[in-house]
Protein backbone atom coordinates (compact mmCIF):
# COMPACT_ATOMS: atom_id res chain seq x y z
CA MET A 1 -0.49 -0.12 -0.23
CA THR A 2 1.33 3.24 -0.92
CA ALA A 3 1.00 6.70 1.52
CA ARG A 4 -1.39 8.76 1.18
CA PRO A 5 -0.87 12.48 0.03
CA THR A 6 1.26 14.43 2.93
CA ASP A 7 0.81 18.47 1.92
CA PRO A 8 -1.03 20.34 3.58
CA ARG A 9 -1.31 23.03 1.76
CA ARG A 10 -2.07 20.86 -1.47
CA VAL A 11 -6.04 22.67 -3.17
CA ARG A 12 -9.13 20.82 -3.54
CA HIS A 13 -11.24 22.55 -6.56
CA GLU A 14 -14.34 21.93 -6.12
CA PRO A 15 -17.18 21.28 -8.59
CA ALA A 16 -20.65 22.48 -9.41
CA GLY A 17 -23.12 21.28 -7.10
CA GLY A 18 -26.21 18.99 -8.79
CA LEU A 19 -28.09 15.96 -8.44
CA GLY A 20 -26.15 12.28 -6.92
CA ASP A 21 -27.44 10.40 -9.96
CA ALA A 22 -28.66 10.71 -13.45
CA GLY A 23 -31.80 8.53 -13.38
CA GLN A 24 -33.29 11.66 -11.65
CA LEU A 25 -33.56 13.27 -15.03
CA GLY A 26 -36.24 11.18 -16.62
CA ARG A 27 -33.66 10.04 -19.45
CA ARG A 28 -30.01 9.06 -19.31
CA PRO A 29 -27.73 10.72 -20.99
CA ARG A 30 -25.63 8.73 -23.51
CA ALA A 31 -21.32 9.67 -23.47
CA VAL A 32 -18.83 8.79 -26.18
CA VAL A 33 -15.57 8.77 -24.66
CA VAL A 34 -13.03 8.23 -28.11
CA GLY A 35 -9.50 7.58 -26.00
CA GLY A 36 -9.17 4.44 -23.70
CA GLY A 37 -5.52 6.02 -22.56
CA ILE A 38 -6.16 7.84 -18.88
CA ALA A 39 -7.70 11.05 -19.73
CA GLY A 40 -10.82 8.83 -21.86
CA LEU A 41 -10.93 6.54 -18.38
CA ALA A 42 -11.07 9.75 -16.16
CA ALA A 43 -13.48 10.94 -17.90
CA ALA A 44 -15.64 7.56 -18.64
CA THR A 45 -15.21 7.35 -14.64
CA GLY A 46 -16.42 10.88 -13.69
CA LEU A 47 -19.70 10.03 -16.02
CA ALA A 48 -20.14 6.54 -15.03
CA GLU A 49 -20.48 7.21 -11.58
CA ARG A 50 -23.05 10.18 -11.92
CA GLY A 51 -25.19 7.18 -14.15
CA VAL A 52 -24.25 8.46 -17.27
CA VAL A 53 -24.60 5.98 -19.91
CA VAL A 54 -21.03 5.68 -21.20
CA GLU A 55 -19.31 3.94 -24.24
CA VAL A 56 -15.35 4.32 -24.11
CA LEU A 57 -13.89 3.33 -28.15
CA GLU A 58 -10.43 2.43 -28.05
CA ARG A 59 -8.21 2.88 -31.57
CA GLU A 60 -5.46 -0.31 -29.59
CA PRO A 61 -6.10 -3.54 -28.17
CA TYR A 62 -5.64 -2.73 -24.81
CA LEU A 63 -6.16 0.30 -22.38
CA GLY A 64 -4.06 2.43 -20.92
CA GLY A 65 -3.27 4.81 -24.42
CA ARG A 66 0.55 5.64 -23.84
CA VAL A 67 0.64 3.70 -20.49
CA GLY A 68 -0.77 0.52 -22.10
CA GLY A 69 0.43 -2.97 -21.52
CA TRP A 70 0.30 -5.94 -23.64
CA SER A 71 2.30 -9.32 -24.26
CA GLU A 72 4.74 -10.47 -27.16
CA THR A 73 6.90 -12.92 -27.68
CA LEU A 74 9.96 -13.61 -27.02
CA PRO A 75 12.52 -15.26 -29.55
CA ASP A 76 12.89 -18.43 -27.46
CA GLY A 77 8.63 -18.58 -27.53
CA THR A 78 8.12 -17.03 -24.00
CA ARG A 79 5.84 -14.25 -23.61
CA VAL A 80 6.69 -11.47 -21.42
CA SER A 81 4.65 -8.59 -20.50
CA MET A 82 5.81 -4.88 -22.88
CA SER A 83 4.85 -1.72 -22.87
CA ARG A 84 5.75 1.95 -23.92
CA GLY A 85 8.31 2.66 -21.28
CA PHE A 86 8.87 2.91 -17.54
CA HIS A 87 6.33 5.90 -16.01
CA ALA A 88 6.55 7.59 -12.34
CA PHE A 89 3.81 7.78 -10.45
CA PHE A 90 4.21 10.17 -8.40
CA ARG A 91 3.02 10.93 -4.92
CA GLN A 92 1.14 14.81 -6.18
CA TYR A 93 -0.55 12.48 -9.38
CA TYR A 94 -3.76 13.36 -6.61
CA ASN A 95 -6.17 13.24 -9.45
CA LEU A 96 -4.65 9.54 -11.15
CA ARG A 97 -4.48 7.87 -8.15
CA ALA A 98 -7.74 9.03 -7.16
CA LEU A 99 -8.47 7.11 -10.97
CA LEU A 100 -6.64 4.30 -10.19
CA ARG A 101 -8.48 4.25 -6.62
CA ARG A 102 -11.48 3.04 -8.48
CA GLY A 103 -10.07 -0.40 -9.39
CA ASP A 104 -7.08 -0.64 -6.54
CA PRO A 105 -8.31 1.21 -3.28
CA GLY A 106 -5.53 0.54 -1.12
CA LEU A 107 -3.46 1.64 -5.03
CA GLU A 108 -1.41 -2.12 -3.40
CA ARG A 109 -0.52 -2.44 -7.12
CA LEU A 110 2.15 0.11 -6.78
CA VAL A 111 5.53 -0.03 -4.79
CA ALA A 112 7.83 2.33 -3.84
CA LEU A 113 11.22 2.78 -5.44
CA GLU A 114 13.68 3.65 -2.41
CA ASP A 115 16.43 5.87 -4.73
CA TYR A 116 16.36 8.50 -8.08
CA PRO A 117 19.41 8.83 -8.49
CA LEU A 118 20.74 11.05 -11.55
CA VAL A 119 24.47 10.45 -12.44
CA ASP A 120 25.80 12.86 -15.57
CA ALA A 121 29.21 12.52 -17.93
CA ASP A 122 31.54 13.38 -15.76
CA GLY A 123 30.00 10.55 -13.29
CA HIS A 124 28.90 13.48 -10.79
CA ARG A 125 25.83 11.83 -9.09
CA ASP A 126 23.25 13.23 -7.29
CA THR A 127 19.79 11.77 -5.36
CA PHE A 128 16.74 12.40 -4.00
CA ARG A 129 16.61 10.06 -1.39
CA GLY A 130 16.43 11.76 2.29
CA LEU A 131 16.04 15.11 1.22
CA PRO A 132 13.48 17.60 3.37
CA ARG A 133 10.43 17.03 2.29
CA THR A 134 9.46 20.61 3.14
CA PRO A 135 10.15 24.08 0.59
CA PRO A 136 12.42 25.38 0.17
CA TRP A 137 14.84 23.44 3.00
CA ASN A 138 14.42 20.84 0.44
CA ALA A 139 16.01 23.09 -2.84
CA VAL A 140 18.58 24.23 0.10
CA ALA A 141 19.59 20.52 1.11
CA PHE A 142 19.66 19.15 -2.79
CA ALA A 143 21.73 22.40 -3.77
CA LEU A 144 24.16 22.06 -1.12
CA ARG A 145 25.08 18.30 -0.91
CA SER A 146 25.17 18.14 -5.10
CA PRO A 147 28.86 17.48 -6.97
CA THR A 148 27.48 19.55 -9.61
CA PHE A 149 26.55 23.00 -7.50
CA ARG A 150 28.93 24.81 -5.16
CA PRO A 151 27.56 27.76 -2.56
CA ALA A 152 29.72 29.85 -4.40
CA ASP A 153 27.61 29.32 -7.27
CA LEU A 154 24.34 31.02 -5.01
CA VAL A 155 26.07 34.32 -5.44
CA ARG A 156 26.91 33.62 -8.96
CA LEU A 157 23.08 33.46 -9.92
CA ASP A 158 20.76 35.85 -11.76
CA ALA A 159 17.83 36.47 -8.72
CA ARG A 160 16.13 38.18 -11.70
CA ALA A 161 16.44 35.82 -13.84
CA ALA A 162 15.82 32.90 -11.25
CA ALA A 163 12.37 34.69 -9.55
CA PRO A 164 9.66 32.95 -11.47
CA LEU A 165 10.39 29.67 -9.98
CA ALA A 166 10.63 30.85 -6.71
CA ASN A 167 7.23 32.59 -7.89
CA VAL A 168 5.09 30.25 -9.81
CA SER A 169 1.63 30.53 -10.62
CA VAL A 170 -1.01 28.90 -13.41
CA PRO A 171 -1.76 30.58 -15.21
CA GLY A 172 0.47 33.24 -14.59
CA ILE A 173 4.06 31.81 -15.27
CA TYR A 174 2.29 31.55 -19.03
CA GLU A 175 2.13 34.53 -19.26
CA ALA A 176 5.18 35.86 -18.55
CA ILE A 177 7.83 33.56 -19.33
CA ASP A 178 6.06 31.12 -22.05
CA GLY A 179 7.59 33.09 -25.32
CA VAL A 180 11.26 31.87 -23.92
CA ASP A 181 12.38 28.43 -24.66
CA ALA A 182 13.55 26.60 -21.71
CA GLN A 183 17.48 26.46 -22.14
CA SER A 184 17.28 30.17 -22.78
CA PHE A 185 15.86 30.52 -19.49
CA VAL A 186 18.09 27.76 -17.13
CA GLU A 187 21.13 29.64 -19.38
CA SER A 188 19.90 33.66 -18.24
CA ILE A 189 20.03 31.94 -13.65
CA ASN A 190 24.12 31.07 -14.38
CA PHE A 191 23.11 27.98 -12.98
CA PRO A 192 26.95 25.95 -13.94
CA PRO A 193 26.72 23.70 -17.26
CA ALA A 194 26.47 20.18 -14.78
CA ALA A 195 23.78 20.98 -12.77
CA ARG A 196 21.60 22.25 -15.66
CA HIS A 197 21.73 18.80 -16.70
CA LEU A 198 21.46 16.90 -14.03
CA ALA A 199 18.68 19.91 -12.50
CA PHE A 200 16.89 20.50 -15.16
CA GLU A 201 18.03 18.56 -18.34
CA VAL A 202 17.16 15.57 -17.09
CA PHE A 203 13.16 17.13 -16.84
CA SER A 204 12.96 18.81 -19.55
CA ARG A 205 13.52 16.03 -21.38
CA SER A 206 11.22 13.71 -19.84
CA PHE A 207 8.43 15.94 -21.90
CA PHE A 208 10.14 14.21 -25.02
CA ALA A 209 11.50 17.54 -26.41
CA PRO A 210 14.79 18.96 -26.38
CA PRO A 211 14.88 22.37 -23.52
CA SER A 212 15.69 24.45 -26.90
CA ARG A 213 11.90 24.11 -28.02
CA MET A 214 10.52 23.68 -24.93
CA SER A 215 8.88 26.45 -23.37
CA ALA A 216 10.64 27.97 -20.09
CA ALA A 217 6.30 28.31 -18.55
CA GLU A 218 6.51 24.26 -18.62
CA LEU A 219 9.51 23.87 -17.08
CA ALA A 220 8.97 26.22 -14.36
CA THR A 221 5.74 24.70 -13.75
CA MET A 222 7.18 21.56 -13.80
CA PHE A 223 9.46 22.33 -11.21
CA HIS A 224 6.66 23.86 -9.00
CA ILE A 225 4.63 20.71 -9.11
CA TYR A 226 7.79 18.12 -8.48
CA PHE A 227 9.71 20.14 -6.34
CA LEU A 228 9.54 23.30 -5.09
CA GLY A 229 5.76 24.24 -4.31
CA SER A 230 5.08 20.61 -3.28
CA SER A 231 6.33 19.04 0.30
CA GLU A 232 5.00 15.17 -1.28
CA GLY A 233 9.14 15.22 -2.33
CA LEU A 234 10.39 13.86 -5.70
CA MET A 235 10.19 10.14 -4.35
CA PHE A 236 7.77 7.81 -6.64
CA ASP A 237 5.90 4.62 -7.19
CA VAL A 238 5.55 2.50 -10.09
CA PRO A 239 3.33 -0.42 -10.98
CA ASP A 240 4.54 -3.53 -9.92
CA ASP A 241 3.55 -5.57 -13.10
CA GLY A 242 2.44 -5.32 -16.12
CA PHE A 243 0.28 -2.40 -16.52
CA ASP A 244 -2.35 -3.92 -17.86
CA THR A 245 -2.24 -6.02 -14.97
CA ALA A 246 -1.93 -4.11 -12.83
CA LEU A 247 -3.61 -0.51 -13.23
CA TRP A 248 -6.19 -0.32 -16.85
CA GLU A 249 -7.45 -4.09 -15.82
CA PRO A 250 -9.09 -3.43 -12.31
CA LEU A 251 -10.15 -0.46 -13.27
CA ARG A 252 -11.91 -1.86 -16.52
CA HIS A 253 -13.52 -4.23 -14.17
CA TYR A 254 -14.70 -1.50 -11.71
CA LEU A 255 -16.15 0.21 -15.17
CA THR A 256 -17.68 -2.80 -16.40
CA THR A 257 -19.74 -3.01 -13.22
CA ARG A 258 -21.37 -0.01 -13.30
CA GLY A 259 -22.38 0.28 -17.26
CA VAL A 260 -19.63 1.39 -19.18
CA THR A 261 -18.98 -1.08 -22.56
CA PHE A 262 -15.73 -0.96 -24.01
CA SER A 263 -15.02 -1.54 -27.82
CA THR A 264 -11.36 -1.77 -28.41
CA GLY A 265 -9.46 -1.60 -32.10
CA VAL A 266 -11.66 0.43 -32.69
CA THR A 267 -10.59 3.76 -34.81
CA VAL A 268 -13.13 6.77 -34.77
CA SER A 269 -12.79 8.62 -38.28
CA SER A 270 -14.71 11.93 -37.40
CA LEU A 271 -18.31 13.30 -35.80
CA GLU A 272 -21.37 15.02 -37.26
CA ARG A 273 -25.05 16.45 -35.77
CA GLY A 274 -27.56 13.75 -36.22
CA GLY A 275 -30.74 13.01 -34.01
CA THR A 276 -33.25 14.59 -32.77
CA VAL A 277 -33.45 14.35 -29.28
CA GLU A 278 -33.01 17.80 -27.25
CA GLY A 279 -30.05 19.92 -27.73
CA GLY A 280 -28.58 17.83 -31.03
CA ARG A 281 -26.63 13.99 -30.69
CA PHE A 282 -24.14 13.65 -31.62
CA HIS A 283 -23.02 10.54 -34.51
CA VAL A 284 -20.20 9.08 -34.47
CA ASN A 285 -18.47 7.20 -37.55
CA HIS A 286 -15.96 4.66 -36.78
CA SER A 287 -14.37 1.02 -37.63
CA ASP A 288 -17.33 -0.71 -36.52
CA GLY A 289 -19.74 1.48 -38.60
CA GLY A 290 -21.06 4.56 -36.26
CA THR A 291 -22.72 5.42 -32.70
CA ASP A 292 -25.71 7.97 -31.11
CA ALA A 293 -24.92 10.23 -28.66
CA ASP A 294 -25.65 13.12 -26.68
CA ALA A 295 -22.24 14.08 -25.72
CA VAL A 296 -18.71 12.85 -27.08
CA VAL A 297 -14.86 13.51 -25.40
CA LEU A 298 -12.87 13.39 -27.25
CA ALA A 299 -9.49 12.00 -25.65
CA THR A 300 -6.89 10.65 -28.70
CA ASP A 301 -3.58 11.65 -28.73
CA VAL A 302 -2.61 14.64 -30.64
CA ARG A 303 -2.43 14.10 -34.29
CA GLY A 304 -5.81 11.11 -33.46
CA LEU A 305 -7.50 15.09 -32.57
CA ARG A 306 -5.89 16.33 -35.41
CA SER A 307 -7.62 14.40 -37.55
CA VAL A 308 -10.63 13.73 -35.81
CA VAL A 309 -11.63 17.64 -35.65
CA ALA A 310 -10.15 17.86 -39.32
CA ALA A 311 -12.81 15.56 -40.63
CA SER A 312 -16.12 16.54 -38.54
CA SER A 313 -17.35 19.13 -41.21
CA ASP A 314 -20.80 18.47 -39.69
CA LEU A 315 -20.49 19.84 -35.90
CA GLY A 316 -23.43 22.39 -36.39
CA GLU A 317 -23.00 26.15 -34.82
CA PRO A 318 -21.53 27.23 -31.20
CA VAL A 319 -24.95 27.06 -29.20
CA SER A 320 -22.99 29.74 -26.82
CA THR A 321 -21.48 32.75 -29.34
CA VAL A 322 -19.87 34.15 -26.06
CA ASP A 323 -16.72 33.11 -27.89
CA GLY A 324 -18.27 35.97 -30.62
CA PRO A 325 -18.34 35.02 -34.45
CA GLY A 326 -15.85 32.74 -35.92
CA ALA A 327 -15.19 31.03 -32.61
CA LEU A 328 -15.19 28.00 -34.07
CA GLU A 329 -13.38 28.13 -36.86
CA ARG A 330 -10.61 29.77 -34.64
CA TRP A 331 -10.56 26.66 -32.69
CA ARG A 332 -10.55 24.13 -35.12
CA ALA A 333 -7.55 26.08 -36.18
CA ASP A 334 -6.05 25.95 -33.30
CA VAL A 335 -6.57 21.88 -33.01
CA ALA A 336 -4.73 21.57 -36.11
CA ALA A 337 -2.05 23.66 -35.19
CA LEU A 338 -1.31 21.20 -32.46
CA GLY A 339 2.37 20.08 -32.62
CA SER A 340 3.62 16.43 -31.61
CA ALA A 341 7.07 16.62 -29.45
CA PRO A 342 10.08 15.05 -31.85
CA PRO A 343 10.14 10.69 -31.88
CA PHE A 344 11.73 9.16 -29.16
CA LEU A 345 12.75 4.97 -28.62
CA VAL A 346 12.34 2.54 -25.70
CA GLN A 347 14.85 -0.59 -25.66
CA ARG A 348 13.59 -3.21 -23.52
CA LEU A 349 16.02 -5.94 -23.44
CA TRP A 350 16.65 -9.90 -21.85
CA LEU A 351 19.81 -10.07 -20.46
CA ASP A 352 21.05 -13.59 -19.17
CA THR A 353 23.65 -12.34 -16.21
CA PRO A 354 21.75 -10.32 -13.90
CA VAL A 355 22.43 -6.75 -13.00
CA ASP A 356 24.49 -6.16 -10.18
CA ALA A 357 22.57 -5.98 -7.45
CA SER A 358 24.28 -2.63 -6.04
CA ARG A 359 22.27 -0.80 -9.25
CA PRO A 360 19.16 1.67 -8.97
CA PRO A 361 16.17 -0.08 -10.06
CA PHE A 362 16.37 3.11 -12.32
CA LEU A 363 19.34 5.58 -13.22
CA GLY A 364 18.30 9.14 -15.02
CA THR A 365 21.09 10.18 -17.04
CA GLY A 366 22.17 13.64 -17.86
CA GLY A 367 24.89 14.29 -21.14
CA LEU A 368 25.46 10.99 -21.75
CA ASP A 369 23.50 10.85 -25.17
CA PRO A 370 21.58 9.19 -26.31
CA LEU A 371 20.63 7.86 -23.29
CA ASP A 372 17.89 9.40 -21.30
CA ASN A 373 17.39 6.49 -17.76
CA VAL A 374 17.44 3.76 -17.69
CA SER A 375 15.59 0.93 -15.44
CA VAL A 376 15.76 -3.00 -13.80
CA LEU A 377 12.37 -4.06 -14.29
CA ASP A 378 12.66 -7.44 -12.37
CA ARG A 379 13.69 -5.23 -9.73
CA TYR A 380 10.02 -4.62 -9.02
CA GLU A 381 7.46 -5.94 -11.87
CA HIS A 382 6.61 -9.47 -11.32
CA ASP A 383 7.01 -10.49 -14.87
CA ALA A 384 10.15 -9.35 -15.31
CA ALA A 385 11.38 -11.00 -11.72
CA ALA A 386 9.66 -14.37 -12.54
CA TRP A 387 11.74 -14.37 -16.72
CA ALA A 388 15.03 -13.09 -14.27
CA ALA A 389 14.50 -15.77 -11.64
CA ARG A 390 14.53 -18.89 -14.48
CA HIS A 391 17.10 -17.90 -16.88
CA GLY A 392 19.46 -16.13 -14.09
CA GLY A 393 19.35 -12.99 -15.84
CA SER A 394 17.91 -9.71 -15.88
CA VAL A 395 15.55 -6.96 -17.94
CA VAL A 396 16.58 -3.84 -18.64
CA GLU A 397 14.81 -0.75 -20.05
CA LEU A 398 16.99 1.83 -21.96
CA HIS A 399 14.90 5.47 -23.01
CA ALA A 400 16.72 7.43 -25.39
CA TYR A 401 14.18 11.28 -26.17
CA SER A 402 14.01 13.80 -28.64
CA ALA A 403 15.81 11.33 -31.49
CA ALA A 404 14.79 12.37 -34.10
CA PRO A 405 17.47 11.18 -37.22
CA PRO A 406 19.26 13.25 -38.81
CA PRO A 407 17.44 15.61 -42.11
CA GLY A 408 17.98 12.65 -45.10
CA VAL A 409 19.23 9.73 -43.29
CA ASP A 410 16.36 6.48 -43.32
CA ASP A 411 14.28 5.96 -39.88
CA ASP A 412 15.56 1.85 -39.50
CA ALA A 413 19.17 2.70 -40.44
CA TRP A 414 18.52 5.73 -37.29
CA THR A 415 16.98 3.59 -34.74
CA ALA A 416 19.20 0.49 -35.17
CA GLY A 417 22.44 2.97 -34.64
CA LEU A 418 20.64 4.46 -31.88
CA ARG A 419 19.90 1.71 -30.45
CA GLU A 420 23.91 0.22 -30.15
CA ARG A 421 24.43 3.57 -28.97
CA CYS A 422 21.98 3.30 -26.02
CA VAL A 423 23.39 -0.54 -25.28
CA ALA A 424 27.37 1.21 -25.18
CA ARG A 425 26.19 3.40 -22.81
CA LEU A 426 24.37 0.86 -20.67
CA HIS A 427 27.43 -1.32 -20.88
CA GLU A 428 29.91 1.83 -19.57
CA LEU A 429 27.40 2.72 -16.56
CA TYR A 430 26.68 -0.88 -15.50
CA PRO A 431 29.74 -2.82 -17.02
CA GLU A 432 28.25 -6.22 -16.45
CA THR A 433 26.41 -6.19 -18.67
CA ALA A 434 28.71 -5.82 -21.44
CA ARG A 435 29.33 -9.67 -21.11
CA ALA A 436 25.63 -10.48 -20.99
CA ARG A 437 24.08 -12.27 -23.95
CA VAL A 438 20.14 -10.33 -25.32
CA VAL A 439 17.67 -13.54 -25.29
CA GLY A 440 15.53 -11.15 -26.45
CA GLU A 441 15.09 -7.58 -27.58
CA LEU A 442 11.48 -5.49 -28.38
CA VAL A 443 11.89 -1.82 -29.30
CA GLN A 444 9.10 0.62 -29.64
CA TRP A 445 9.81 3.60 -31.54
CA ARG A 446 6.68 6.59 -30.92
CA GLU A 447 6.34 9.83 -31.91
CA ASP A 448 2.58 10.21 -30.40
CA CYS A 449 3.91 12.45 -27.12
CA PRO A 450 2.78 16.59 -27.21
CA MET A 451 4.92 19.06 -27.49
CA PHE A 452 5.09 22.33 -24.80
CA GLY A 453 6.79 24.27 -27.51
CA VAL A 454 7.96 28.52 -27.35
CA GLY A 455 4.31 30.37 -27.11
CA ASP A 456 2.04 27.38 -27.22
CA PHE A 457 -0.23 27.96 -24.12
CA ALA A 458 -2.27 30.99 -25.65
CA ARG A 459 -3.98 28.95 -28.25
CA ARG A 460 -3.67 25.80 -26.81
CA PRO A 461 -7.12 23.47 -27.19
CA THR A 462 -8.72 23.67 -23.98
CA VAL A 463 -11.60 21.02 -22.85
CA ALA A 464 -14.63 23.13 -23.59
CA THR A 465 -15.48 24.06 -27.06
CA PRO A 466 -17.39 25.93 -28.76
CA VAL A 467 -19.86 23.42 -29.28
CA ASP A 468 -22.52 22.37 -27.59
CA GLY A 469 -22.06 18.25 -25.86
CA LEU A 470 -18.29 18.48 -27.00
CA VAL A 471 -15.36 18.55 -24.63
CA LEU A 472 -11.28 17.19 -24.95
CA ALA A 473 -8.96 15.33 -22.31
CA GLY A 474 -5.24 14.29 -22.98
CA ASP A 475 -2.09 15.79 -21.64
CA GLY A 476 -2.01 18.10 -24.16
CA ILE A 477 -5.08 20.29 -23.46
CA ARG A 478 -4.67 23.56 -21.71
CA ILE A 479 -5.89 23.11 -18.34
CA ASP A 480 -5.26 26.16 -15.72
CA LEU A 481 -3.86 24.03 -12.85
CA PRO A 482 -0.56 23.04 -11.85
CA VAL A 483 -0.54 19.46 -13.21
CA ALA A 484 1.54 17.61 -15.93
CA LEU A 485 2.61 14.61 -18.02
CA MET A 486 -0.09 11.91 -16.87
CA GLU A 487 -1.29 14.33 -13.62
CA ARG A 488 -2.28 15.91 -16.64
CA ALA A 489 -3.98 14.05 -18.65
CA ALA A 490 -5.92 12.63 -15.43
CA SER A 491 -7.11 15.68 -14.53
CA THR A 492 -8.65 16.77 -17.72
CA GLY A 493 -10.64 14.13 -18.29
CA TRP A 494 -12.44 14.67 -14.41
CA GLN A 495 -13.09 18.00 -15.85
CA ALA A 496 -14.10 16.53 -19.65
CA ALA A 497 -16.25 14.41 -16.85
CA ASN A 498 -17.42 17.81 -14.99
CA ARG A 499 -17.78 20.02 -17.43
CA LEU A 500 -20.91 17.03 -19.79
CA LEU A 501 -21.94 16.82 -15.67
CA ALA A 502 -22.97 20.36 -15.26
CA GLY A 503 -25.03 21.05 -18.64
CA TRP A 504 -26.88 18.31 -17.28
CA GLY A 505 -27.29 19.09 -13.74
CA LEU A 506 -25.73 16.94 -12.27
CA ALA A 507 -22.30 16.64 -9.17
CA GLY A 508 -19.32 16.50 -10.29
CA HIS A 509 -16.02 15.58 -8.79
CA PRO A 510 -13.76 17.78 -7.34
CA LEU A 511 -9.94 18.07 -8.28
CA GLU A 512 -6.33 18.18 -6.19
CA THR A 513 -3.33 19.94 -6.61
CA VAL A 514 -0.30 21.07 -5.44
CA PRO A 515 -0.47 24.66 -4.21
CA THR A 516 -1.91 27.06 -7.72
CA THR A 517 1.37 29.80 -6.00
CA GLY A 518 4.99 29.92 -5.60
CA ARG A 519 5.39 29.27 -1.78
CA LEU A 520 9.68 29.70 -1.41
CA GLY A 521 9.39 33.08 -0.34
CA PRO A 522 12.62 32.65 2.28
CA LEU A 523 14.35 31.26 -0.63
CA ARG A 524 13.27 33.99 -3.26
CA ARG A 525 14.82 36.03 -0.18
CA ALA A 526 17.61 34.30 0.30
CA ALA A 527 17.58 34.92 -4.19
CA GLN A 528 17.69 38.81 -3.76
CA TYR A 529 19.96 39.10 -1.00
CA ALA A 530 22.75 37.19 -3.23
CA MET A 531 21.48 40.00 -6.09
CA ARG A 532 22.35 42.93 -3.82
CA ALA A 533 25.69 41.12 -2.61
CA ARG A 534 26.67 40.34 -6.05
């Protein structure tokens, strides 16, 4: 069982009130959720718990979206679990954890990792283990014990440039520095280069983009969520088995008992207005035919959202004129402008040699191109541990983010070279793996994560749309709360459900986040003092 939230300053965002069950309306509304990832499952849960009839349409044969899991076969015929790679379930992912508790009330399928070390090309090693939990002392302690950050470096920091880190508010931080790239922002602070690798680049690349192309506001918000604004700490939990087994099958069972139907392997092509039900109905066109609904949640990836919206020419006129003339056309343009981050590689290796017992289950890297992190899955996943025990070996996963090939280079040739370079880095970091034989290798080469580029925030589509009864959800959708990555997906899913529920006069669901404004007054004053002392 994992720990309950501990930050007394976490914020509860109350929903609109209303009826407790759609059965009180006389007719239960019907909603179609397009996408069975975190966002879609959160939306389906929020709606089904208020008695709405829900159908989930998912393109893949499994649930979970980019955190989905499935089985594959190794060359020796062994069936093994596979996914798109390691995901960290931080303690401040309040809304994602609330979703997972529906299928696993005690979160017993999540296990804590005891350490989260970071290492760079010069051998500098940082860890978040044992830090104080309360800001600003967590930041001070991290800096003082880091081999990349000397006390003298504090004097050289530009306190004025660093002020946004100590005073994050959402959406204010986007209005202030969304037009600046993360790399330029960090350089303006005068952080030591080695500290930039470990304290900034490791985090920015978790958004699958190089710091030079990522919004500085996203970086500042991320530091607020995971470190400077939360006392939950930077330690995290991981599923104890394949994602399908540990996370989504329990949730699927929970939702099925509440009447939710799931259609997997179904691709949605477009939406259109149709039917005669009051307020208008949607017809959802998909590869199995079509489905009518009173409301639709589009909880797809960026490419899927762009495709469905572009093909949906018959959405009617906006019911509300609040957004003014041309609102639907502007919204379509904003959806079309959404970008995807550069591709990334996930390389999972089944080795006939165990990894040394002293190695951590997860290691983040900085400046060790192209490798971004190493996971030793047999330390915490049942399926991997069972395989390692049978073969006297280990199961290791390597990630390379923002790994686009140079212009003119073939993808297959590039990924082959990338895999070789990642394995070479593994051998440098964990020399015992150099003598191991690779029993099996599975690779994921993907390019479907949202891009949080410079200046994107203002026109990023929100959960609400100009079309009554149509809402969006996903980690690429704007929400004016301090959330990111999987937690943004869950939060927008809950918010999408809440918006539809409010339209039917039904009660919504509360959300929780880290504080919505900065909490580092002492650290900010220390930085200002250092600036005056220069």
